[in-house]
Every structure is written in C-alpha cells, then in structure tokens.
Amino acid sequence: MNIGLFTDTYFPQVSGVATSIKTLRDELIAQGHHVYIFTTTDPQAKHDDVEAGIYRFPSIPFVSFTERRIAIRGAFRAVKLAKKFKLDIVHNQTEFALGMMGKLVARELDIPCLHTYHTMYQDYLHYIANGHIVKPHNVATFVHLYMKSIDGVIAPSERVLDTLESYQVTTPIRVIPTGINLRVYQQQDSATQRLKLREKFGYQADTPVLLSLSRLAYEKNIHALIAAMPDIIAEKPKAQLLIVGDGPARETLERQVRQLQLADHVQFTGQIDNDDVCHYYQMADVFVSASDSESQGLTYDEALASDLPIVVMRSEYTDELIDDPAIGVSFQKQEDLVRGVIHYLDHRESPESHAKRQAKLHAISAEVFAQKVLRFYDDCQIAMAQRQEAEPKHRLFRRRD
C-alpha cells in the first residue's frame, strides 16, 4: 500500500505528535508498505529527503507558537507528488495547511482520507492572544466542519473520542492508541552506560532520580513537580529531579527553582536528541508528570516500555493504563504525588513488578498500533468502493425518473 502522511510537524521538531507519526511510519515500512511524509520546511532540516520519503513545503512559524510551523503553499506540488507515488490512502495528522492539502489530494485521486486527532486544542488556546480571541466553542465548530469530508478518524484515547463526540463529529471514529517501538526502549543499557549518564549530571549509582520528560510548556504543569520537591527531599534528602526538554516555560520554571532554593536538586537538560531519549528513562528511578493536557500519554508508555514505574496526573488515559501498582499510580493532589514517588523509591525493581509491566507491553507495541491502523485503512477503502458502486446506480435511477 502507498500511504501519504500529511503533517505540519515532524522531526527535527520535537513533540509527541512527531514521535507518533515517526512510529507509525517506521512500523508501516517494516510491514512492507511505502510511506511518504508531506510536511513543513524547518531551519534544522534539509528541504527534501527523497531517500527517506520526506517532502517539505514552504512554511512560516505558527502565530504565538513559533516552535511549530504552518505551510503557506504547495498544494499543486502535493497533488503532483501524490499522483507520482500512486497513493492509496491519505492520512492527515493536522487540521491546518497540510491537512487541507491532504484533503485536496484525496479528492483529486479519489482515495480515502483519514485523520488522527492529536491535539486537544482547548488546552492550548492561551497561545493565541492569551485565549481572548479563540474560545472552546470556536474549536468545536472548526473541528466539526473539518471532519465532514473525512472518511475515518483515529482517536488516540477515549478522552479524544469523548471530545470529538461532544463536537458532534459523525465521521466513523476508531480509538487506536499510539504504539511504542519496543525494540528501542527494551534494549537495556549496561550498568556502565547508565552510570556514565548519571555522572554527567553529578549523580551517583544510588542517587534517587525522578525524570520529567516533555516539552516545557505551561500546560505540562511542571511547576507542580518542582513545588513537590521540598516534601520529597524531606523524606529522601538525596533525591534529584531531572527535567528533560525545552520550551517557552523554561525561564519561569528555572526562576521557581531558584526561589525555592532547589538548585542542588533540580536540573534542566534542554532539548535532547530523540535517539537519546531511551537512555534517560533507563538511568532514572521513577517517571513523573503533572500534565493534565495529555491526549495519549506517549511518555507514560515509553517509561513503561523502559521498565520504569510512573507517577502521573490522573486522567481518563491513566485510568486505562494503570491497572496495577507495578505499573504506577496516578494523583490529583500534591501529597499523593509525594507519596507515590516515595513508595517507588523505597520499593525498587522486583521480578514480580517487572513481569507485570512486560505483560502490558504487547497492547502498546508499535506493531499492534500499525496493524490496527492498516485495518482501518482497509475498512475505509471498502466503504469508499461500496459508495462508488452505489452512486452510478443512484444517478441512473434518477435520470430514468
């Protein structure tokens, strides 16, 4: 099958969406399909990477969210490339420029157009004039209209499904959580490798390390993790919080660390290479997140695949994921966050907890993820063929009238 993925964000931009798309691309290719990425230009990337099937379209930074970009032209070229590649499916990953191009391409080639709804936009309205212009009801209207000409929608979680249904989206929706490339996260670093990375930050082999890994954005609520550190340190005086990632909230978070006099216990790594992410999970003792804006919780799954317990803000997704204390705990109050962290620092890895995490992994594997997406592709192709077969008969019947 020849598949076109249309997205406004892709590596080297770092985000959960970019990771999700790359995971799908790599696994579809591994299963014998041809995948072409239609995305935006980026100052850190060459224009096209034909060998990798990546084609970039002229773009500018998005309004008030300059780390992301939006294409400004290229629809004719997109159609031309799609015809050259003889695409069978268009799979959009954005509602903006590249998403519109994807819909145009699908219409021109008369092929199904699917869409993955990645972003809960109501959590990000503060990026546009501090939320004074675009309101939640505007998002609902826009998404409802956009989905009208889509053949199938993938919701990465039940929370996304509930949101789309509240927007009265009538397009067929299927819940397909994004998978994790287990081959990457289950490759165990040696004790020497883990210690070497720990030493980079001044940690010893027995230093209790809490890992936060995400874009440093205000909606990720990282300030709540920092605020909890004095209580954690009171129980575990050597505890360290390592904050991996970069973003607009970094300066505010660093100021909070200084104000709480936590410089000896909290460090910021800045942005790291995506290929190095797995090593950070393996050097830590517990993964922590206070984000309440997750639509699919990719980092939670990555931590689990790395055999790391998680202590995360409660959500519909965590209610599905965390079904055993061996996997982790969720919290809503700071005291529960502290209690969860202390528990896992006191109860290190055991054969039983390892076995329970392993049992959870198959369901979140990239292989299963791609297989579910492919089945949805097939179903949408069948549905389109049935519609096309019925339409001529309908037109003929009307002419006879």
Protein backbone atom coordinates (compact mmCIF):
# COMPACT_ATOMS: atom_id res chain seq x y z
CA MET A 1 0.00 0.00 0.00
CA ASN A 2 1.22 3.53 -0.80
CA ILE A 3 0.45 5.84 2.12
CA GLY A 4 0.77 9.62 2.39
CA LEU A 5 1.10 11.13 5.88
CA PHE A 6 0.34 14.87 5.90
CA THR A 7 1.60 16.78 8.93
CA ASP A 8 2.58 20.31 9.95
CA THR A 9 5.11 18.95 12.46
CA TYR A 10 7.81 16.34 12.02
CA PHE A 11 11.37 15.77 13.12
CA PRO A 12 13.64 17.61 13.83
CA GLN A 13 10.73 19.34 15.63
CA VAL A 14 10.29 17.54 18.94
CA SER A 15 6.77 16.69 20.08
CA GLY A 16 4.52 13.79 20.90
CA VAL A 17 2.85 14.23 17.51
CA ALA A 18 6.17 13.96 15.66
CA THR A 19 7.05 10.85 17.67
CA SER A 20 3.66 9.28 16.95
CA ILE A 21 3.99 9.90 13.21
CA LYS A 22 7.53 8.53 13.04
CA THR A 23 6.49 5.43 14.99
CA LEU A 24 3.64 4.81 12.53
CA ARG A 25 5.86 5.48 9.52
CA ASP A 26 8.64 3.16 10.67
CA GLU A 27 6.28 0.31 11.53
CA LEU A 28 4.28 0.59 8.31
CA ILE A 29 7.53 0.39 6.36
CA ALA A 30 8.64 -2.58 8.48
CA GLN A 31 5.40 -4.32 7.49
CA GLY A 32 6.13 -3.84 3.79
CA HIS A 33 4.29 -0.64 2.88
CA HIS A 34 5.54 2.54 1.18
CA VAL A 35 5.16 5.71 3.26
CA TYR A 36 5.64 9.32 2.15
CA ILE A 37 5.76 12.23 4.59
CA PHE A 38 4.33 15.56 3.40
CA THR A 39 5.41 18.19 5.95
CA THR A 40 6.71 21.72 6.51
CA THR A 41 10.18 23.12 5.93
CA ASP A 42 12.34 23.54 9.01
CA PRO A 43 15.51 25.59 9.58
CA GLN A 44 17.18 22.49 11.05
CA ALA A 45 16.31 20.13 8.18
CA LYS A 46 17.25 19.87 4.52
CA HIS A 47 14.44 20.75 2.13
CA ASP A 48 13.58 17.21 0.99
CA ASP A 49 14.89 13.79 1.95
CA VAL A 50 13.86 11.77 -1.07
CA GLU A 51 15.60 8.62 0.14
CA ALA A 52 13.56 8.70 3.37
CA GLY A 53 10.36 9.72 1.55
CA ILE A 54 10.13 13.12 3.28
CA TYR A 55 8.89 16.09 1.23
CA ARG A 56 8.78 19.58 2.72
CA PHE A 57 6.61 22.54 1.77
CA PRO A 58 7.41 26.24 2.33
CA SER A 59 6.28 27.31 5.79
CA ILE A 60 6.39 30.03 8.43
CA PRO A 61 6.30 29.86 12.26
CA PHE A 62 2.79 29.48 13.66
CA VAL A 63 1.24 32.54 15.32
CA SER A 64 2.22 32.77 19.03
CA PHE A 65 3.63 29.23 18.82
CA THR A 66 6.84 29.81 16.90
CA GLU A 67 8.29 26.36 17.63
CA ARG A 68 5.66 24.95 15.27
CA ARG A 69 5.28 25.81 11.62
CA ILE A 70 2.47 26.06 9.08
CA ALA A 71 2.76 25.55 5.31
CA ILE A 72 1.95 28.55 3.14
CA ARG A 73 1.86 26.99 -0.33
CA GLY A 74 2.44 23.79 -2.26
CA ALA A 75 -0.97 22.24 -2.99
CA PHE A 76 -0.24 21.77 -6.72
CA ARG A 77 3.09 20.12 -5.93
CA ALA A 78 1.43 17.88 -3.32
CA VAL A 79 -1.09 16.61 -5.89
CA LYS A 80 1.67 16.05 -8.44
CA LEU A 81 3.76 14.04 -5.96
CA ALA A 82 0.76 12.04 -4.79
CA LYS A 83 -0.04 11.02 -8.38
CA LYS A 84 3.61 10.09 -8.95
CA PHE A 85 3.59 7.87 -5.85
CA LYS A 86 0.13 6.45 -6.75
CA LEU A 87 -1.11 6.97 -3.20
CA ASP A 88 -3.79 4.58 -1.98
CA ILE A 89 -4.50 6.41 1.29
CA VAL A 90 -4.12 9.94 2.65
CA HIS A 91 -3.68 10.05 6.43
CA ASN A 92 -3.74 13.58 7.84
CA GLN A 93 -2.12 14.42 11.18
CA THR A 94 -3.11 18.10 11.30
CA GLU A 95 -6.21 20.23 10.76
CA PHE A 96 -4.24 23.12 9.30
CA ALA A 97 -2.44 23.72 5.99
CA LEU A 98 -1.04 20.24 5.35
CA GLY A 99 -4.34 18.75 6.49
CA MET A 100 -6.16 20.84 3.90
CA MET A 101 -3.64 19.75 1.27
CA GLY A 102 -4.22 16.13 2.26
CA LYS A 103 -7.96 16.52 1.75
CA LEU A 104 -7.36 18.10 -1.66
CA VAL A 105 -5.02 15.28 -2.68
CA ALA A 106 -7.53 12.62 -1.60
CA ARG A 107 -10.28 14.32 -3.59
CA GLU A 108 -8.10 14.66 -6.71
CA LEU A 109 -7.02 10.99 -6.57
CA ASP A 110 -10.44 9.77 -5.41
CA ILE A 111 -8.95 7.85 -2.47
CA PRO A 112 -9.87 7.69 1.25
CA CYS A 113 -8.72 10.44 3.58
CA LEU A 114 -8.26 9.54 7.25
CA HIS A 115 -7.33 11.81 10.11
CA THR A 116 -5.71 11.39 13.52
CA TYR A 117 -6.90 13.97 16.03
CA HIS A 118 -3.77 14.51 18.10
CA THR A 119 -4.22 17.82 19.88
CA MET A 120 -6.78 18.86 22.47
CA TYR A 121 -6.86 22.46 21.27
CA GLN A 122 -8.96 23.72 24.17
CA ASP A 123 -5.85 23.18 26.33
CA TYR A 124 -3.74 25.42 24.08
CA LEU A 125 -5.92 28.47 23.43
CA HIS A 126 -3.71 30.61 25.68
CA TYR A 127 -1.09 30.62 22.90
CA ILE A 128 -3.38 32.82 20.78
CA ALA A 129 -3.80 36.27 22.34
CA ASN A 130 -3.90 34.68 25.81
CA GLY A 131 -7.17 32.96 24.98
CA HIS A 132 -9.10 36.18 24.38
CA ILE A 133 -9.90 35.57 20.71
CA VAL A 134 -10.40 31.84 20.08
CA LYS A 135 -12.80 30.17 22.51
CA PRO A 136 -13.60 26.46 23.10
CA HIS A 137 -16.85 26.73 21.10
CA ASN A 138 -14.84 28.05 18.14
CA VAL A 139 -12.66 24.95 18.31
CA ALA A 140 -15.74 22.71 18.37
CA THR A 141 -17.20 24.40 15.29
CA PHE A 142 -13.93 24.26 13.36
CA VAL A 143 -13.28 20.59 14.13
CA HIS A 144 -16.88 19.63 13.31
CA LEU A 145 -16.67 21.31 9.89
CA TYR A 146 -13.19 19.93 9.13
CA MET A 147 -14.25 16.34 9.82
CA LYS A 148 -17.27 16.47 7.49
CA SER A 149 -15.26 15.39 4.42
CA ILE A 150 -13.04 12.84 6.23
CA ASP A 151 -13.59 9.10 5.71
CA GLY A 152 -12.34 7.96 9.10
CA VAL A 153 -10.95 9.48 12.31
CA ILE A 154 -8.42 7.91 14.67
CA ALA A 155 -8.74 8.95 18.32
CA PRO A 156 -5.56 8.08 20.29
CA SER A 157 -7.55 7.72 23.53
CA GLU A 158 -11.04 7.57 25.00
CA ARG A 159 -10.64 11.19 26.09
CA VAL A 160 -10.19 12.24 22.46
CA LEU A 161 -13.18 10.14 21.43
CA ASP A 162 -15.37 11.81 24.06
CA THR A 163 -14.19 15.24 22.88
CA LEU A 164 -14.95 14.53 19.22
CA GLU A 165 -18.37 13.16 20.08
CA SER A 166 -19.06 16.32 22.10
CA TYR A 167 -18.21 18.27 18.91
CA GLN A 168 -20.92 16.19 17.15
CA VAL A 169 -18.44 14.64 14.72
CA THR A 170 -20.38 11.98 12.78
CA THR A 171 -17.47 10.55 10.79
CA PRO A 172 -16.59 6.94 11.80
CA ILE A 173 -14.16 7.15 14.74
CA ARG A 174 -11.90 4.37 15.97
CA VAL A 175 -9.84 4.50 19.18
CA ILE A 176 -6.28 3.42 18.33
CA PRO A 177 -3.65 4.35 20.95
CA THR A 178 -0.26 5.26 19.53
CA GLY A 179 2.20 2.40 19.91
CA ILE A 180 5.75 2.33 21.19
CA ASN A 181 8.77 0.95 19.36
CA LEU A 182 9.62 -1.68 21.94
CA ARG A 183 12.86 -2.56 20.14
CA VAL A 184 14.21 0.87 21.10
CA TYR A 185 13.07 1.03 24.72
CA GLN A 186 13.73 -2.58 25.68
CA GLN A 187 17.39 -2.50 24.65
CA GLN A 188 18.96 -2.41 28.08
CA ASP A 189 21.92 -0.11 28.67
CA SER A 190 24.77 -1.63 30.62
CA ALA A 191 25.34 -0.57 34.22
CA THR A 192 28.41 1.31 32.99
CA GLN A 193 26.37 3.24 30.41
CA ARG A 194 23.73 4.20 32.96
CA LEU A 195 26.32 5.32 35.47
CA LYS A 196 28.13 7.37 32.83
CA LEU A 197 24.93 9.29 32.00
CA ARG A 198 24.20 9.76 35.71
CA GLU A 199 27.70 11.12 36.30
CA LYS A 200 27.08 13.72 33.58
CA PHE A 201 24.61 15.33 36.00
CA GLY A 202 26.59 14.66 39.15
CA TYR A 203 24.51 11.65 40.24
CA GLN A 204 25.89 8.54 41.86
CA ALA A 205 24.70 4.98 41.27
CA ASP A 206 22.36 5.12 44.29
CA THR A 207 21.06 8.69 43.80
CA PRO A 208 17.22 8.67 43.65
CA VAL A 209 16.38 10.24 40.27
CA LEU A 210 12.93 11.48 39.23
CA LEU A 211 12.56 12.00 35.47
CA SER A 212 10.30 14.56 33.80
CA LEU A 213 10.39 14.38 30.00
CA SER A 214 8.24 16.67 27.87
CA ARG A 215 8.07 19.97 26.10
CA LEU A 216 8.48 22.70 28.72
CA ALA A 217 5.09 24.28 28.18
CA TYR A 218 2.77 25.78 30.79
CA GLU A 219 0.04 23.20 30.16
CA LYS A 220 2.50 20.43 31.13
CA ASN A 221 2.22 21.69 34.73
CA ILE A 222 5.88 21.01 35.50
CA HIS A 223 5.81 23.68 38.19
CA ALA A 224 3.74 21.24 40.30
CA LEU A 225 6.61 18.73 40.21
CA ILE A 226 9.07 21.37 41.34
CA ALA A 227 6.70 22.52 44.09
CA ALA A 228 6.56 18.95 45.44
CA MET A 229 10.34 18.55 45.64
CA PRO A 230 10.81 20.06 49.16
CA ASP A 231 8.40 17.42 50.57
CA ILE A 232 10.15 14.66 48.64
CA ILE A 233 13.58 15.85 49.79
CA ALA A 234 12.36 15.86 53.39
CA GLU A 235 11.88 12.07 53.00
CA LYS A 236 14.72 11.44 50.57
CA PRO A 237 17.44 14.08 51.10
CA LYS A 238 19.45 12.92 48.06
CA ALA A 239 16.51 12.97 45.63
CA GLN A 240 17.02 14.69 42.28
CA LEU A 241 14.55 15.88 39.65
CA LEU A 242 15.88 15.86 36.09
CA ILE A 243 13.74 17.91 33.69
CA VAL A 244 14.37 16.85 30.09
CA GLY A 245 13.14 19.05 27.25
CA ASP A 246 12.82 22.70 26.29
CA GLY A 247 10.07 25.19 25.63
CA PRO A 248 8.51 28.55 26.50
CA ALA A 249 8.04 27.80 30.21
CA ARG A 250 11.69 27.06 30.89
CA GLU A 251 12.64 30.53 32.17
CA THR A 252 9.66 30.57 34.56
CA LEU A 253 10.49 27.08 35.83
CA GLU A 254 14.15 27.96 36.38
CA ARG A 255 13.07 31.03 38.36
CA GLN A 256 10.83 28.83 40.52
CA VAL A 257 13.76 26.52 41.23
CA ARG A 258 15.87 29.48 42.37
CA GLN A 259 13.07 30.89 44.53
CA LEU A 260 12.61 27.54 46.29
CA GLN A 261 16.39 27.17 46.63
CA LEU A 262 16.32 23.84 44.84
CA ALA A 263 19.27 24.36 42.52
CA ASP A 264 21.09 21.44 44.16
CA HIS A 265 18.16 19.11 43.50
CA VAL A 266 16.65 20.16 40.13
CA GLN A 267 18.43 20.27 36.77
CA PHE A 268 17.35 21.13 33.22
CA THR A 269 18.91 19.31 30.28
CA GLY A 270 17.41 21.36 27.48
CA GLN A 271 16.33 19.62 24.30
CA ILE A 272 17.96 16.26 23.65
CA ASP A 273 18.19 14.15 20.51
CA ASN A 274 15.22 11.83 20.06
CA ASP A 275 17.60 8.87 19.71
CA ASP A 276 18.90 9.53 23.24
CA VAL A 277 15.52 9.60 24.98
CA CYS A 278 15.56 5.88 25.84
CA HIS A 279 18.83 6.26 27.78
CA TYR A 280 17.29 8.88 30.08
CA TYR A 281 14.43 6.58 31.00
CA GLN A 282 16.88 3.81 31.85
CA MET A 283 19.04 5.94 34.12
CA ALA A 284 16.07 7.15 36.22
CA ASP A 285 14.22 5.50 39.12
CA VAL A 286 10.71 6.86 38.59
CA PHE A 287 8.95 8.84 35.85
CA VAL A 288 6.81 11.80 36.98
CA SER A 289 4.31 14.02 35.18
CA ALA A 290 1.72 16.51 36.40
CA SER A 291 0.38 17.29 32.93
CA ASP A 292 -3.38 17.46 32.62
CA SER A 293 -3.40 18.05 28.84
CA GLU A 294 -2.29 14.64 27.56
CA SER A 295 -4.39 13.16 24.76
CA GLN A 296 -2.42 9.92 24.52
CA GLY A 297 0.37 9.81 27.14
CA LEU A 298 3.22 8.64 24.91
CA THR A 299 5.86 9.32 27.54
CA TYR A 300 3.93 7.18 30.02
CA ASP A 301 4.09 4.25 27.59
CA GLU A 302 7.77 4.89 26.87
CA ALA A 303 8.53 4.80 30.60
CA LEU A 304 6.59 1.56 30.95
CA ALA A 305 8.45 0.04 27.98
CA SER A 306 11.68 1.08 29.72
CA ASP A 307 10.59 -0.81 32.85
CA LEU A 308 10.17 2.42 34.82
CA PRO A 309 7.27 2.97 37.27
CA ILE A 310 5.20 6.10 36.67
CA VAL A 311 3.62 8.67 39.00
CA VAL A 312 1.37 10.87 36.86
CA MET A 313 -1.63 13.19 37.00
CA ARG A 314 -4.89 11.26 36.85
CA SER A 315 -6.78 11.29 33.54
CA GLU A 316 -9.04 9.03 31.50
CA TYR A 317 -5.94 7.67 29.80
CA THR A 318 -4.18 6.78 33.07
CA ASP A 319 -7.35 5.09 34.30
CA GLU A 320 -6.99 2.74 31.31
CA LEU A 321 -3.22 2.34 31.51
CA ILE A 322 -2.59 1.96 35.24
CA ASP A 323 -4.36 -1.22 36.33
CA ASP A 324 -1.71 -2.46 38.75
CA PRO A 325 0.64 -0.75 41.27
CA ALA A 326 3.57 -2.39 39.44
CA ILE A 327 2.88 -0.04 36.53
CA GLY A 328 2.41 3.12 38.57
CA VAL A 329 -0.04 5.37 40.36
CA SER A 330 -1.97 8.49 39.44
CA PHE A 331 -2.56 11.52 41.64
CA GLN A 332 -4.64 14.67 41.86
CA LYS A 333 -3.13 16.26 44.97
CA GLN A 334 0.50 17.10 45.72
CA GLU A 335 0.52 14.87 48.80
CA ASP A 336 -0.42 11.89 46.61
CA LEU A 337 2.33 12.76 44.16
CA VAL A 338 4.85 12.79 47.00
CA ARG A 339 3.50 9.56 48.47
CA GLY A 340 3.72 7.80 45.11
CA VAL A 341 7.29 8.88 44.47
CA ILE A 342 8.46 7.84 47.94
CA HIS A 343 6.77 4.46 47.51
CA TYR A 344 8.67 3.63 44.33
CA LEU A 345 11.96 4.93 45.70
CA ASP A 346 11.50 2.66 48.73
CA HIS A 347 10.38 -0.34 46.65
CA ARG A 348 12.84 -0.71 43.82
CA GLU A 349 12.55 -3.20 40.97
CA SER A 350 11.34 -6.73 41.73
CA PRO A 351 10.84 -9.76 39.45
CA GLU A 352 7.08 -9.56 40.04
CA SER A 353 6.73 -5.90 39.05
CA HIS A 354 8.94 -6.49 36.02
CA ALA A 355 6.72 -9.38 34.87
CA LYS A 356 3.54 -7.32 35.26
CA ARG A 357 4.97 -4.48 33.17
CA GLN A 358 6.05 -6.90 30.47
CA ALA A 359 2.54 -8.32 30.27
CA LYS A 360 1.21 -4.84 29.48
CA LEU A 361 3.59 -4.13 26.61
CA HIS A 362 2.08 -6.11 23.74
CA ALA A 363 -1.05 -3.96 23.69
CA ILE A 364 1.01 -0.75 23.34
CA SER A 365 3.54 -2.05 20.80
CA ALA A 366 4.14 -0.24 17.51
CA GLU A 367 3.40 -3.49 15.69
CA VAL A 368 -0.15 -3.74 17.10
CA PHE A 369 -0.64 0.01 16.54
CA ALA A 370 0.23 -0.23 12.84
CA GLN A 371 -1.90 -3.35 12.36
CA LYS A 372 -4.95 -1.57 13.80
CA VAL A 373 -4.34 1.47 11.58
CA LEU A 374 -3.98 -0.75 8.50
CA ARG A 375 -7.29 -2.47 9.27
CA PHE A 376 -8.93 0.95 9.45
CA TYR A 377 -7.35 1.87 6.08
CA ASP A 378 -8.81 -1.32 4.58
CA ASP A 379 -12.24 -0.66 6.05
CA CYS A 380 -12.27 2.90 4.69
CA GLN A 381 -11.23 1.67 1.23
CA ILE A 382 -14.03 -0.91 1.27
CA ALA A 383 -16.58 1.69 2.39
CA MET A 384 -15.48 4.07 -0.37
CA ALA A 385 -15.69 1.33 -3.01
CA GLN A 386 -19.22 0.48 -1.86
CA ARG A 387 -20.25 4.13 -2.08
CA GLN A 388 -18.73 4.46 -5.54
CA GLU A 389 -20.53 1.34 -6.71
CA ALA A 390 -23.86 2.62 -5.41
CA GLU A 391 -23.56 6.16 -6.76
CA PRO A 392 -23.81 5.40 -10.53
CA LYS A 393 -26.93 3.28 -9.93
CA HIS A 394 -28.47 6.11 -7.95
CA ARG A 395 -27.73 8.62 -10.72
CA LEU A 396 -29.09 6.26 -13.39
CA PHE A 397 -32.29 5.75 -11.39
CA ARG A 398 -32.80 9.49 -11.15
CA ARG A 399 -32.27 10.04 -14.89
CA ARG A 400 -34.95 7.45 -15.66
CA ASP A 401 -37.34 9.41 -13.50
